[in-house]
Structure formats: structure tokens, C-alpha cells
Amino acid sequence: MQNSFIQFWGNRRITLEEISQLQLNTPATDLLVLSACETALGDRAAELGFAGAAAKAEVKSVLASLWQVDDRATLAFMAEFYSQLRDVPIKAEAVRRAQVAMQTVR
């Protein structure tokens, strides 16, 4: 995990240790979506990876992955998730609906 980072547009990278310095709780971040592979996977030093670091930084809700994800499938899922989130204010329900929608795509 010590070599892990989140790549932003351009050349900006955020390491796991830098998450706490982003001041995600001022003002409070309601939802942080980490759509890359294994963003909720950690080790002994960071048990829940970037998702855990964000939760520790007092982000209200974090959406992250425990496994390798396909870029195209992730794009489709995220588009569906955000579409559902407009209609349903409950984040977990928006995730559930996006998952159901993805099952029907197969």
C-alpha cells in the first residue's frame, strides 16, 4: 500500500498518507467515489485502503472496490449509479439499483 496513489487529471497524485491532509471534513464531504481497482483493499498499515483512509478523514460515505474492475464496466456502472442517485437520495439504494441494472446488461 505504501506505493499506492490516486491519479488525478494531469500529473497530480495523492498517496494514502495524503488523504488526511485533504481536509475532506471541512466542509463535510457527503460522498467520495473511488472507482479504481481495489480502492477498499488494504494491508496491516491501512486496513481498508483508500476507502478506510477517507472514512477516517470523516467523509460521510465512501464507495470503493475490493477487486479488480474492468474500465468499461466501471464506466457503465458509475454512469448508472449517478443516474440512480439523482432519482434516489439514499446512496445504498442507488448502488443496489445500479447493480441490478448491470445484471440486466449481460
PDB file of N, CA and C in Angstrom:
ATOM      1  N   MET A   1       0.815  -1.196   0.000  1.00  0.00           N
ATOM      2  CA  MET A   1       0.000   0.000   0.000  1.00  0.00           C
ATOM      3  C   MET A   1       0.861   1.263   0.000  1.00  0.00           C
ATOM      4  N   GLN A   2       2.074   1.177   0.464  1.00  0.00           N
ATOM      5  CA  GLN A   2       2.885   2.387   0.578  1.00  0.00           C
ATOM      6  C   GLN A   2       3.211   3.009  -0.773  1.00  0.00           C
ATOM      7  N   ASN A   3       3.146   2.252  -1.867  1.00  0.00           N
ATOM      8  CA  ASN A   3       3.396   2.793  -3.196  1.00  0.00           C
ATOM      9  C   ASN A   3       2.113   3.148  -3.929  1.00  0.00           C
ATOM     10  N   SER A   4       0.965   2.974  -3.293  1.00  0.00           N
ATOM     11  CA  SER A   4      -0.320   3.235  -3.928  1.00  0.00           C
ATOM     12  C   SER A   4      -0.607   4.727  -3.976  1.00  0.00           C
ATOM     13  N   PHE A   5      -1.381   5.124  -4.979  1.00  0.00           N
ATOM     14  CA  PHE A   5      -1.767   6.528  -5.112  1.00  0.00           C
ATOM     15  C   PHE A   5      -3.035   6.617  -5.954  1.00  0.00           C
ATOM     16  N   ILE A   6      -3.684   7.768  -5.865  1.00  0.00           N
ATOM     17  CA  ILE A   6      -4.809   8.091  -6.734  1.00  0.00           C
ATOM     18  C   ILE A   6      -4.296   9.094  -7.744  1.00  0.00           C
ATOM     19  N   GLN A   7      -4.501   8.789  -9.011  1.00  0.00           N
ATOM     20  CA  GLN A   7      -4.046   9.666 -10.087  1.00  0.00           C
ATOM     21  C   GLN A   7      -5.172  10.606 -10.476  1.00  0.00           C
ATOM     22  N   PHE A   8      -4.927  11.895 -10.374  1.00  0.00           N
ATOM     23  CA  PHE A   8      -5.884  12.899 -10.814  1.00  0.00           C
ATOM     24  C   PHE A   8      -5.524  13.344 -12.222  1.00  0.00           C
ATOM     25  N   TRP A   9      -6.352  14.182 -12.771  1.00  0.00           N
ATOM     26  CA  TRP A   9      -6.096  14.725 -14.101  1.00  0.00           C
ATOM     27  C   TRP A   9      -4.727  15.387 -14.116  1.00  0.00           C
ATOM     28  N   GLY A  10      -4.047  15.233 -15.213  1.00  0.00           N
ATOM     29  CA  GLY A  10      -2.700  15.782 -15.300  1.00  0.00           C
ATOM     30  C   GLY A  10      -1.728  14.873 -14.593  1.00  0.00           C
ATOM     31  N   ASN A  11      -0.844  15.441 -13.844  1.00  0.00           N
ATOM     32  CA  ASN A  11       0.185  14.647 -13.186  1.00  0.00           C
ATOM     33  C   ASN A  11       0.024  14.637 -11.664  1.00  0.00           C
ATOM     34  N   ARG A  12      -1.128  15.052 -11.142  1.00  0.00           N
ATOM     35  CA  ARG A  12      -1.344  15.145  -9.700  1.00  0.00           C
ATOM     36  C   ARG A  12      -1.665  13.778  -9.108  1.00  0.00           C
ATOM     37  N   ARG A  13      -0.929  13.394  -8.096  1.00  0.00           N
ATOM     38  CA  ARG A  13      -1.135  12.129  -7.396  1.00  0.00           C
ATOM     39  C   ARG A  13      -1.339  12.394  -5.916  1.00  0.00           C
ATOM     40  N   ILE A  14      -2.215  11.595  -5.319  1.00  0.00           N
ATOM     41  CA  ILE A  14      -2.458  11.651  -3.883  1.00  0.00           C
ATOM     42  C   ILE A  14      -2.119  10.280  -3.315  1.00  0.00           C
ATOM     43  N   THR A  15      -1.266  10.248  -2.317  1.00  0.00           N
ATOM     44  CA  THR A  15      -0.916   8.984  -1.674  1.00  0.00           C
ATOM     45  C   THR A  15      -1.891   8.706  -0.533  1.00  0.00           C
ATOM     46  N   LEU A  16      -1.832   7.514  -0.026  1.00  0.00           N
ATOM     47  CA  LEU A  16      -2.689   7.123   1.079  1.00  0.00           C
ATOM     48  C   LEU A  16      -2.503   8.048   2.281  1.00  0.00           C
ATOM     49  N   GLU A  17      -1.274   8.398   2.563  1.00  0.00           N
ATOM     50  CA  GLU A  17      -0.982   9.261   3.706  1.00  0.00           C
ATOM     51  C   GLU A  17      -1.528  10.678   3.514  1.00  0.00           C
ATOM     52  N   GLU A  18      -1.659  11.107   2.269  1.00  0.00           N
ATOM     53  CA  GLU A  18      -2.119  12.470   1.994  1.00  0.00           C
ATOM     54  C   GLU A  18      -3.633  12.643   2.087  1.00  0.00           C
ATOM     55  N   ILE A  19      -4.373  11.546   2.128  1.00  0.00           N
ATOM     56  CA  ILE A  19      -5.830  11.636   2.217  1.00  0.00           C
ATOM     57  C   ILE A  19      -6.248  12.480   3.419  1.00  0.00           C
ATOM     58  N   SER A  20      -5.621  12.271   4.555  1.00  0.00           N
ATOM     59  CA  SER A  20      -5.990  13.008   5.766  1.00  0.00           C
ATOM     60  C   SER A  20      -5.689  14.506   5.654  1.00  0.00           C
ATOM     61  N   GLN A  21      -4.786  14.875   4.773  1.00  0.00           N
ATOM     62  CA  GLN A  21      -4.418  16.283   4.599  1.00  0.00           C
ATOM     63  C   GLN A  21      -5.351  17.030   3.656  1.00  0.00           C
ATOM     64  N   LEU A  22      -6.271  16.331   3.012  1.00  0.00           N
ATOM     65  CA  LEU A  22      -7.173  16.967   2.046  1.00  0.00           C
ATOM     66  C   LEU A  22      -8.309  17.737   2.704  1.00  0.00           C
ATOM     67  N   GLN A  23      -8.453  17.630   4.010  1.00  0.00           N
ATOM     68  CA  GLN A  23      -9.496  18.316   4.778  1.00  0.00           C
ATOM     69  C   GLN A  23     -10.883  18.019   4.185  1.00  0.00           C
ATOM     70  N   LEU A  24     -11.167  16.736   4.016  1.00  0.00           N
ATOM     71  CA  LEU A  24     -12.430  16.313   3.433  1.00  0.00           C
ATOM     72  C   LEU A  24     -13.612  16.518   4.372  1.00  0.00           C
ATOM     73  N   ASN A  25     -13.326  16.926   5.597  1.00  0.00           N
ATOM     74  CA  ASN A  25     -14.401  17.165   6.554  1.00  0.00           C
ATOM     75  C   ASN A  25     -14.712  18.645   6.758  1.00  0.00           C
ATOM     76  N   THR A  26     -14.046  19.521   6.014  1.00  0.00           N
ATOM     77  CA  THR A  26     -14.303  20.964   6.126  1.00  0.00           C
ATOM     78  C   THR A  26     -14.430  21.602   4.754  1.00  0.00           C
ATOM     79  N   PRO A  27     -15.613  21.823   4.236  1.00  0.00           N
ATOM     80  CA  PRO A  27     -16.881  21.315   4.748  1.00  0.00           C
ATOM     81  C   PRO A  27     -16.970  19.803   4.546  1.00  0.00           C
ATOM     82  N   ALA A  28     -17.936  19.213   5.207  1.00  0.00           N
ATOM     83  CA  ALA A  28     -18.074  17.752   5.184  1.00  0.00           C
ATOM     84  C   ALA A  28     -18.317  17.237   3.774  1.00  0.00           C
ATOM     85  N   THR A  29     -17.537  16.238   3.373  1.00  0.00           N
ATOM     86  CA  THR A  29     -17.733  15.571   2.085  1.00  0.00           C
ATOM     87  C   THR A  29     -18.799  14.510   2.292  1.00  0.00           C
ATOM     88  N   ASP A  30     -19.885  14.618   1.533  1.00  0.00           N
ATOM     89  CA  ASP A  30     -21.006  13.704   1.688  1.00  0.00           C
ATOM     90  C   ASP A  30     -20.726  12.354   1.050  1.00  0.00           C
ATOM     91  N   LEU A  31     -20.062  12.352  -0.104  1.00  0.00           N
ATOM     92  CA  LEU A  31     -19.793  11.108  -0.822  1.00  0.00           C
ATOM     93  C   LEU A  31     -18.478  11.221  -1.579  1.00  0.00           C
ATOM     94  N   LEU A  32     -17.607  10.251  -1.378  1.00  0.00           N
ATOM     95  CA  LEU A  32     -16.365  10.141  -2.139  1.00  0.00           C
ATOM     96  C   LEU A  32     -16.423   8.828  -2.893  1.00  0.00           C
ATOM     97  N   VAL A  33     -16.354   8.899  -4.211  1.00  0.00           N
ATOM     98  CA  VAL A  33     -16.406   7.707  -5.054  1.00  0.00           C
ATOM     99  C   VAL A  33     -15.001   7.415  -5.551  1.00  0.00           C
ATOM    100  N   LEU A  34     -14.512   6.228  -5.224  1.00  0.00           N
ATOM    101  CA  LEU A  34     -13.200   5.758  -5.655  1.00  0.00           C
ATOM    102  C   LEU A  34     -13.449   4.587  -6.603  1.00  0.00           C
ATOM    103  N   SER A  35     -13.518   4.874  -7.885  1.00  0.00           N
ATOM    104  CA  SER A  35     -13.955   3.855  -8.841  1.00  0.00           C
ATOM    105  C   SER A  35     -12.834   2.987  -9.392  1.00  0.00           C
ATOM    106  N   ALA A  36     -11.631   3.202  -8.951  1.00  0.00           N
ATOM    107  CA  ALA A  36     -10.500   2.405  -9.441  1.00  0.00           C
ATOM    108  C   ALA A  36     -10.447   1.035  -8.758  1.00  0.00           C
ATOM    109  N   CYS A  37      -9.591   0.169  -9.265  1.00  0.00           N
ATOM    110  CA  CYS A  37      -9.425  -1.188  -8.723  1.00  0.00           C
ATOM    111  C   CYS A  37      -8.946  -1.174  -7.276  1.00  0.00           C
ATOM    112  N   GLU A  38      -9.547  -2.018  -6.467  1.00  0.00           N
ATOM    113  CA  GLU A  38      -9.079  -2.334  -5.121  1.00  0.00           C
ATOM    114  C   GLU A  38      -8.855  -1.121  -4.213  1.00  0.00           C
ATOM    115  N   THR A  39      -9.695  -0.099  -4.340  1.00  0.00           N
ATOM    116  CA  THR A  39      -9.534   1.094  -3.506  1.00  0.00           C
ATOM    117  C   THR A  39     -10.004   0.874  -2.072  1.00  0.00           C
ATOM    118  N   ALA A  40     -10.687  -0.247  -1.822  1.00  0.00           N
ATOM    119  CA  ALA A  40     -11.082  -0.588  -0.450  1.00  0.00           C
ATOM    120  C   ALA A  40     -10.250  -1.737   0.095  1.00  0.00           C
ATOM    121  N   LEU A  41      -9.197  -2.091  -0.605  1.00  0.00           N
ATOM    122  CA  LEU A  41      -8.329  -3.178  -0.186  1.00  0.00           C
ATOM    123  C   LEU A  41      -7.103  -2.582   0.487  1.00  0.00           C
ATOM    124  N   GLY A  42      -6.745  -3.117   1.618  1.00  0.00           N
ATOM    125  CA  GLY A  42      -5.616  -2.563   2.351  1.00  0.00           C
ATOM    126  C   GLY A  42      -4.639  -3.606   2.813  1.00  0.00           C
ATOM    127  N   ASP A  43      -3.876  -3.245   3.819  1.00  0.00           N
ATOM    128  CA  ASP A  43      -2.910  -4.136   4.443  1.00  0.00           C
ATOM    129  C   ASP A  43      -2.892  -3.815   5.937  1.00  0.00           C
ATOM    130  N   ARG A  44      -1.906  -4.278   6.649  1.00  0.00           N
ATOM    131  CA  ARG A  44      -1.852  -4.034   8.095  1.00  0.00           C
ATOM    132  C   ARG A  44      -1.740  -2.543   8.432  1.00  0.00           C
ATOM    133  N   ALA A  45      -1.055  -1.788   7.604  1.00  0.00           N
ATOM    134  CA  ALA A  45      -0.869  -0.364   7.869  1.00  0.00           C
ATOM    135  C   ALA A  45      -2.122   0.454   7.535  1.00  0.00           C
ATOM    136  N   ALA A  46      -2.837   0.027   6.527  1.00  0.00           N
ATOM    137  CA  ALA A  46      -4.047   0.734   6.092  1.00  0.00           C
ATOM    138  C   ALA A  46      -5.108  -0.313   5.806  1.00  0.00           C
ATOM    139  N   GLU A  47      -5.807  -0.705   6.836  1.00  0.00           N
ATOM    140  CA  GLU A  47      -6.681  -1.870   6.773  1.00  0.00           C
ATOM    141  C   GLU A  47      -7.704  -1.834   5.643  1.00  0.00           C
ATOM    142  N   LEU A  48      -8.290  -0.706   5.372  1.00  0.00           N
ATOM    143  CA  LEU A  48      -9.310  -0.616   4.327  1.00  0.00           C
ATOM    144  C   LEU A  48      -8.863   0.251   3.148  1.00  0.00           C
ATOM    145  N   GLY A  49      -7.583   0.400   2.971  1.00  0.00           N
ATOM    146  CA  GLY A  49      -7.054   1.129   1.826  1.00  0.00           C
ATOM    147  C   GLY A  49      -7.495   2.581   1.785  1.00  0.00           C
ATOM    148  N   PHE A  50      -7.681   3.092   0.578  1.00  0.00           N
ATOM    149  CA  PHE A  50      -8.073   4.484   0.401  1.00  0.00           C
ATOM    150  C   PHE A  50      -9.463   4.749   0.976  1.00  0.00           C
ATOM    151  N   ALA A  51     -10.351   3.780   0.872  1.00  0.00           N
ATOM    152  CA  ALA A  51     -11.695   3.948   1.426  1.00  0.00           C
ATOM    153  C   ALA A  51     -11.632   4.125   2.941  1.00  0.00           C
ATOM    154  N   GLY A  52     -10.826   3.313   3.602  1.00  0.00           N
ATOM    155  CA  GLY A  52     -10.674   3.435   5.047  1.00  0.00           C
ATOM    156  C   GLY A  52     -10.032   4.748   5.448  1.00  0.00           C
ATOM    157  N   ALA A  53      -9.050   5.181   4.676  1.00  0.00           N
ATOM    158  CA  ALA A  53      -8.401   6.466   4.965  1.00  0.00           C
ATOM    159  C   ALA A  53      -9.399   7.609   4.805  1.00  0.00           C
ATOM    160  N   ALA A  54     -10.264   7.519   3.795  1.00  0.00           N
ATOM    161  CA  ALA A  54     -11.283   8.553   3.598  1.00  0.00           C
ATOM    162  C   ALA A  54     -12.296   8.542   4.747  1.00  0.00           C
ATOM    163  N   ALA A  55     -12.715   7.360   5.168  1.00  0.00           N
ATOM    164  CA  ALA A  55     -13.647   7.259   6.295  1.00  0.00           C
ATOM    165  C   ALA A  55     -13.005   7.811   7.566  1.00  0.00           C
ATOM    166  N   LYS A  56     -11.736   7.509   7.755  1.00  0.00           N
ATOM    167  CA  LYS A  56     -11.001   8.023   8.921  1.00  0.00           C
ATOM    168  C   LYS A  56     -10.888   9.550   8.868  1.00  0.00           C
ATOM    169  N   ALA A  57     -10.872  10.103   7.639  1.00  0.00           N
ATOM    170  CA  ALA A  57     -10.814  11.553   7.447  1.00  0.00           C
ATOM    171  C   ALA A  57     -12.202  12.184   7.551  1.00  0.00           C
ATOM    172  N   GLU A  58     -13.184  11.386   7.980  1.00  0.00           N
ATOM    173  CA  GLU A  58     -14.549  11.828   8.260  1.00  0.00           C
ATOM    174  C   GLU A  58     -15.389  12.126   7.021  1.00  0.00           C
ATOM    175  N   VAL A  59     -15.105  11.457   5.913  1.00  0.00           N
ATOM    176  CA  VAL A  59     -16.010  11.514   4.770  1.00  0.00           C
ATOM    177  C   VAL A  59     -17.262  10.750   5.184  1.00  0.00           C
ATOM    178  N   LYS A  60     -18.440  11.295   4.899  1.00  0.00           N
ATOM    179  CA  LYS A  60     -19.687  10.669   5.356  1.00  0.00           C
ATOM    180  C   LYS A  60     -19.925   9.308   4.712  1.00  0.00           C
ATOM    181  N   SER A  61     -19.694   9.187   3.395  1.00  0.00           N
ATOM    182  CA  SER A  61     -19.901   7.927   2.677  1.00  0.00           C
ATOM    183  C   SER A  61     -18.795   7.744   1.653  1.00  0.00           C
ATOM    184  N   VAL A  62     -18.334   6.503   1.516  1.00  0.00           N
ATOM    185  CA  VAL A  62     -17.286   6.184   0.547  1.00  0.00           C
ATOM    186  C   VAL A  62     -17.743   4.978  -0.269  1.00  0.00           C
ATOM    187  N   LEU A  63     -17.630   5.090  -1.587  1.00  0.00           N
ATOM    188  CA  LEU A  63     -17.921   3.978  -2.486  1.00  0.00           C
ATOM    189  C   LEU A  63     -16.593   3.551  -3.088  1.00  0.00           C
ATOM    190  N   ALA A  64     -16.216   2.285  -2.863  1.00  0.00           N
ATOM    191  CA  ALA A  64     -14.914   1.798  -3.318  1.00  0.00           C
ATOM    192  C   ALA A  64     -15.020   0.333  -3.712  1.00  0.00           C
ATOM    193  N   SER A  65     -13.941  -0.197  -4.261  1.00  0.00           N
ATOM    194  CA  SER A  65     -13.931  -1.565  -4.774  1.00  0.00           C
ATOM    195  C   SER A  65     -12.938  -2.438  -4.014  1.00  0.00           C
ATOM    196  N   LEU A  66     -13.299  -3.715  -3.848  1.00  0.00           N
ATOM    197  CA  LEU A  66     -12.404  -4.685  -3.219  1.00  0.00           C
ATOM    198  C   LEU A  66     -11.679  -5.540  -4.256  1.00  0.00           C
ATOM    199  N   TRP A  67     -11.978  -5.382  -5.509  1.00  0.00           N
ATOM    200  CA  TRP A  67     -11.432  -6.277  -6.535  1.00  0.00           C
ATOM    201  C   TRP A  67     -11.001  -5.508  -7.771  1.00  0.00           C
ATOM    202  N   GLN A  68     -10.374  -6.233  -8.686  1.00  0.00           N
ATOM    203  CA  GLN A  68     -10.002  -5.669  -9.984  1.00  0.00           C
ATOM    204  C   GLN A  68     -11.281  -5.363 -10.757  1.00  0.00           C
ATOM    205  N   VAL A  69     -11.336  -4.233 -11.415  1.00  0.00           N
ATOM    206  CA  VAL A  69     -12.530  -3.853 -12.162  1.00  0.00           C
ATOM    207  C   VAL A  69     -12.164  -3.530 -13.609  1.00  0.00           C
ATOM    208  N   ASP A  70     -13.056  -3.885 -14.502  1.00  0.00           N
ATOM    209  CA  ASP A  70     -12.898  -3.584 -15.915  1.00  0.00           C
ATOM    210  C   ASP A  70     -13.266  -2.120 -16.150  1.00  0.00           C
ATOM    211  N   ASP A  71     -12.445  -1.397 -16.914  1.00  0.00           N
ATOM    212  CA  ASP A  71     -12.680   0.031 -17.132  1.00  0.00           C
ATOM    213  C   ASP A  71     -14.036   0.313 -17.771  1.00  0.00           C
ATOM    214  N   ARG A  72     -14.409  -0.429 -18.779  1.00  0.00           N
ATOM    215  CA  ARG A  72     -15.692  -0.186 -19.458  1.00  0.00           C
ATOM    216  C   ARG A  72     -16.875  -0.512 -18.551  1.00  0.00           C
ATOM    217  N   ALA A  73     -16.775  -1.619 -17.830  1.00  0.00           N
ATOM    218  CA  ALA A  73     -17.853  -1.980 -16.913  1.00  0.00           C
ATOM    219  C   ALA A  73     -17.974  -0.946 -15.797  1.00  0.00           C
ATOM    220  N   THR A  74     -16.851  -0.447 -15.325  1.00  0.00           N
ATOM    221  CA  THR A  74     -16.865   0.571 -14.276  1.00  0.00           C
ATOM    222  C   THR A  74     -17.494   1.858 -14.790  1.00  0.00           C
ATOM    223  N   LEU A  75     -17.162   2.238 -16.009  1.00  0.00           N
ATOM    224  CA  LEU A  75     -17.760   3.425 -16.615  1.00  0.00           C
ATOM    225  C   LEU A  75     -19.279   3.276 -16.678  1.00  0.00           C
ATOM    226  N   ALA A  76     -19.747   2.129 -17.135  1.00  0.00           N
ATOM    227  CA  ALA A  76     -21.186   1.878 -17.228  1.00  0.00           C
ATOM    228  C   ALA A  76     -21.827   1.892 -15.842  1.00  0.00           C
ATOM    229  N   PHE A  77     -21.169   1.252 -14.874  1.00  0.00           N
ATOM    230  CA  PHE A  77     -21.712   1.219 -13.517  1.00  0.00           C
ATOM    231  C   PHE A  77     -21.784   2.616 -12.918  1.00  0.00           C
ATOM    232  N   MET A  78     -20.718   3.400 -13.062  1.00  0.00           N
ATOM    233  CA  MET A  78     -20.699   4.745 -12.488  1.00  0.00           C
ATOM    234  C   MET A  78     -21.765   5.630 -13.136  1.00  0.00           C
ATOM    235  N   ALA A  79     -21.937   5.524 -14.442  1.00  0.00           N
ATOM    236  CA  ALA A  79     -22.978   6.307 -15.125  1.00  0.00           C
ATOM    237  C   ALA A  79     -24.354   5.931 -14.582  1.00  0.00           C
ATOM    238  N   GLU A  80     -24.583   4.640 -14.413  1.00  0.00           N
ATOM    239  CA  GLU A  80     -25.860   4.170 -13.877  1.00  0.00           C
ATOM    240  C   GLU A  80     -26.036   4.593 -12.420  1.00  0.00           C
ATOM    241  N   PHE A  81     -24.977   4.489 -11.634  1.00  0.00           N
ATOM    242  CA  PHE A  81     -25.035   4.888 -10.230  1.00  0.00           C
ATOM    243  C   PHE A  81     -25.421   6.361 -10.100  1.00  0.00           C
ATOM    244  N   TYR A  82     -24.752   7.235 -10.837  1.00  0.00           N
ATOM    245  CA  TYR A  82     -25.058   8.662 -10.744  1.00  0.00           C
ATOM    246  C   TYR A  82     -26.454   8.967 -11.267  1.00  0.00           C
ATOM    247  N   SER A  83     -26.898   8.236 -12.276  1.00  0.00           N
ATOM    248  CA  SER A  83     -28.262   8.395 -12.775  1.00  0.00           C
ATOM    249  C   SER A  83     -29.270   8.013 -11.688  1.00  0.00           C
ATOM    250  N   GLN A  84     -29.030   6.895 -11.035  1.00  0.00           N
ATOM    251  CA  GLN A  84     -29.908   6.451  -9.953  1.00  0.00           C
ATOM    252  C   GLN A  84     -29.858   7.403  -8.762  1.00  0.00           C
ATOM    253  N   LEU A  85     -28.687   7.946  -8.488  1.00  0.00           N
ATOM    254  CA  LEU A  85     -28.524   8.842  -7.341  1.00  0.00           C
ATOM    255  C   LEU A  85     -29.352  10.114  -7.512  1.00  0.00           C
ATOM    256  N   ARG A  86     -29.596  10.522  -8.759  1.00  0.00           N
ATOM    257  CA  ARG A  86     -30.463  11.686  -8.997  1.00  0.00           C
ATOM    258  C   ARG A  86     -31.908  11.388  -8.593  1.00  0.00           C
ATOM    259  N   ASP A  87     -32.324  10.134  -8.794  1.00  0.00           N
ATOM    260  CA  ASP A  87     -33.706   9.744  -8.503  1.00  0.00           C
ATOM    261  C   ASP A  87     -33.919   9.269  -7.076  1.00  0.00           C
ATOM    262  N   VAL A  88     -32.889   8.711  -6.469  1.00  0.00           N
ATOM    263  CA  VAL A  88     -32.993   8.109  -5.139  1.00  0.00           C
ATOM    264  C   VAL A  88     -31.967   8.777  -4.230  1.00  0.00           C
ATOM    265  N   PRO A  89     -32.397   9.452  -3.179  1.00  0.00           N
ATOM    266  CA  PRO A  89     -31.436  10.143  -2.321  1.00  0.00           C
ATOM    267  C   PRO A  89     -30.611   9.221  -1.424  1.00  0.00           C
ATOM    268  N   ILE A  90     -30.992   7.959  -1.308  1.00  0.00           N
ATOM    269  CA  ILE A  90     -30.265   7.020  -0.455  1.00  0.00           C
ATOM    270  C   ILE A  90     -29.170   6.355  -1.281  1.00  0.00           C
ATOM    271  N   LYS A  91     -27.926   6.597  -0.906  1.00  0.00           N
ATOM    272  CA  LYS A  91     -26.780   6.125  -1.693  1.00  0.00           C
ATOM    273  C   LYS A  91     -26.756   4.609  -1.853  1.00  0.00           C
ATOM    274  N   ALA A  92     -27.019   3.879  -0.792  1.00  0.00           N
ATOM    275  CA  ALA A  92     -27.007   2.411  -0.855  1.00  0.00           C
ATOM    276  C   ALA A  92     -28.067   1.902  -1.835  1.00  0.00           C
ATOM    277  N   GLU A  93     -29.200   2.551  -1.886  1.00  0.00           N
ATOM    278  CA  GLU A  93     -30.253   2.153  -2.823  1.00  0.00           C
ATOM    279  C   GLU A  93     -29.831   2.466  -4.265  1.00  0.00           C
ATOM    280  N   ALA A  94     -29.154   3.572  -4.462  1.00  0.00           N
ATOM    281  CA  ALA A  94     -28.648   3.903  -5.799  1.00  0.00           C
ATOM    282  C   ALA A  94     -27.621   2.870  -6.256  1.00  0.00           C
ATOM    283  N   VAL A  95     -26.763   2.407  -5.343  1.00  0.00           N
ATOM    284  CA  VAL A  95     -25.801   1.352  -5.663  1.00  0.00           C
ATOM    285  C   VAL A  95     -26.539   0.064  -6.017  1.00  0.00           C
ATOM    286  N   ARG A  96     -27.522  -0.299  -5.205  1.00  0.00           N
ATOM    287  CA  ARG A  96     -28.291  -1.525  -5.456  1.00  0.00           C
ATOM    288  C   ARG A  96     -28.968  -1.483  -6.817  1.00  0.00           C
ATOM    289  N   ARG A  97     -29.588  -0.364  -7.139  1.00  0.00           N
ATOM    290  CA  ARG A  97     -30.268  -0.230  -8.430  1.00  0.00           C
ATOM    291  C   ARG A  97     -29.279  -0.288  -9.597  1.00  0.00           C
ATOM    292  N   ALA A  98     -28.112   0.317  -9.407  1.00  0.00           N
ATOM    293  CA  ALA A  98     -27.081   0.249 -10.452  1.00  0.00           C
ATOM    294  C   ALA A  98     -26.609  -1.191 -10.634  1.00  0.00           C
ATOM    295  N   GLN A  99     -26.467  -1.923  -9.546  1.00  0.00           N
ATOM    296  CA  GLN A  99     -26.067  -3.333  -9.629  1.00  0.00           C
ATOM    297  C   GLN A  99     -27.120  -4.150 -10.379  1.00  0.00           C
ATOM    298  N   VAL A 100     -28.384  -3.920 -10.076  1.00  0.00           N
ATOM    299  CA  VAL A 100     -29.461  -4.640 -10.759  1.00  0.00           C
ATOM    300  C   VAL A 100     -29.454  -4.300 -12.253  1.00  0.00           C
ATOM    301  N   ALA A 101     -29.267  -3.038 -12.563  1.00  0.00           N
ATOM    302  CA  ALA A 101     -29.218  -2.616 -13.964  1.00  0.00           C
ATOM    303  C   ALA A 101     -28.050  -3.274 -14.696  1.00  0.00           C
ATOM    304  N   MET A 102     -26.922  -3.412 -14.017  1.00  0.00           N
ATOM    305  CA  MET A 102     -25.746  -4.043 -14.634  1.00  0.00           C
ATOM    306  C   MET A 102     -25.999  -5.533 -14.899  1.00  0.00           C
ATOM    307  N   GLN A 103     -26.784  -6.178 -14.070  1.00  0.00           N
ATOM    308  CA  GLN A 103     -27.093  -7.598 -14.272  1.00  0.00           C
ATOM    309  C   GLN A 103     -27.944  -7.802 -15.512  1.00  0.00           C
ATOM    310  N   THR A 104     -28.787  -6.839 -15.823  1.00  0.00           N
ATOM    311  CA  THR A 104     -29.649  -6.985 -16.997  1.00  0.00           C
ATOM    312  C   THR A 104     -28.921  -6.665 -18.286  1.00  0.00           C
ATOM    313  N   VAL A 105     -27.759  -6.015 -18.210  1.00  0.00           N
ATOM    314  CA  VAL A 105     -26.974  -5.679 -19.388  1.00  0.00           C
ATOM    315  C   VAL A 105     -26.333  -6.908 -20.006  1.00  0.00           C
ATOM    316  N   ARG A 106     -25.983  -7.874 -19.184  1.00  0.00           N
ATOM    317  CA  ARG A 106     -25.294  -9.075 -19.641  1.00  0.00           C
ATOM    318  C   ARG A 106     -26.051  -9.681 -20.760  1.00  0.00           C
TER     319      ARG A 106
END
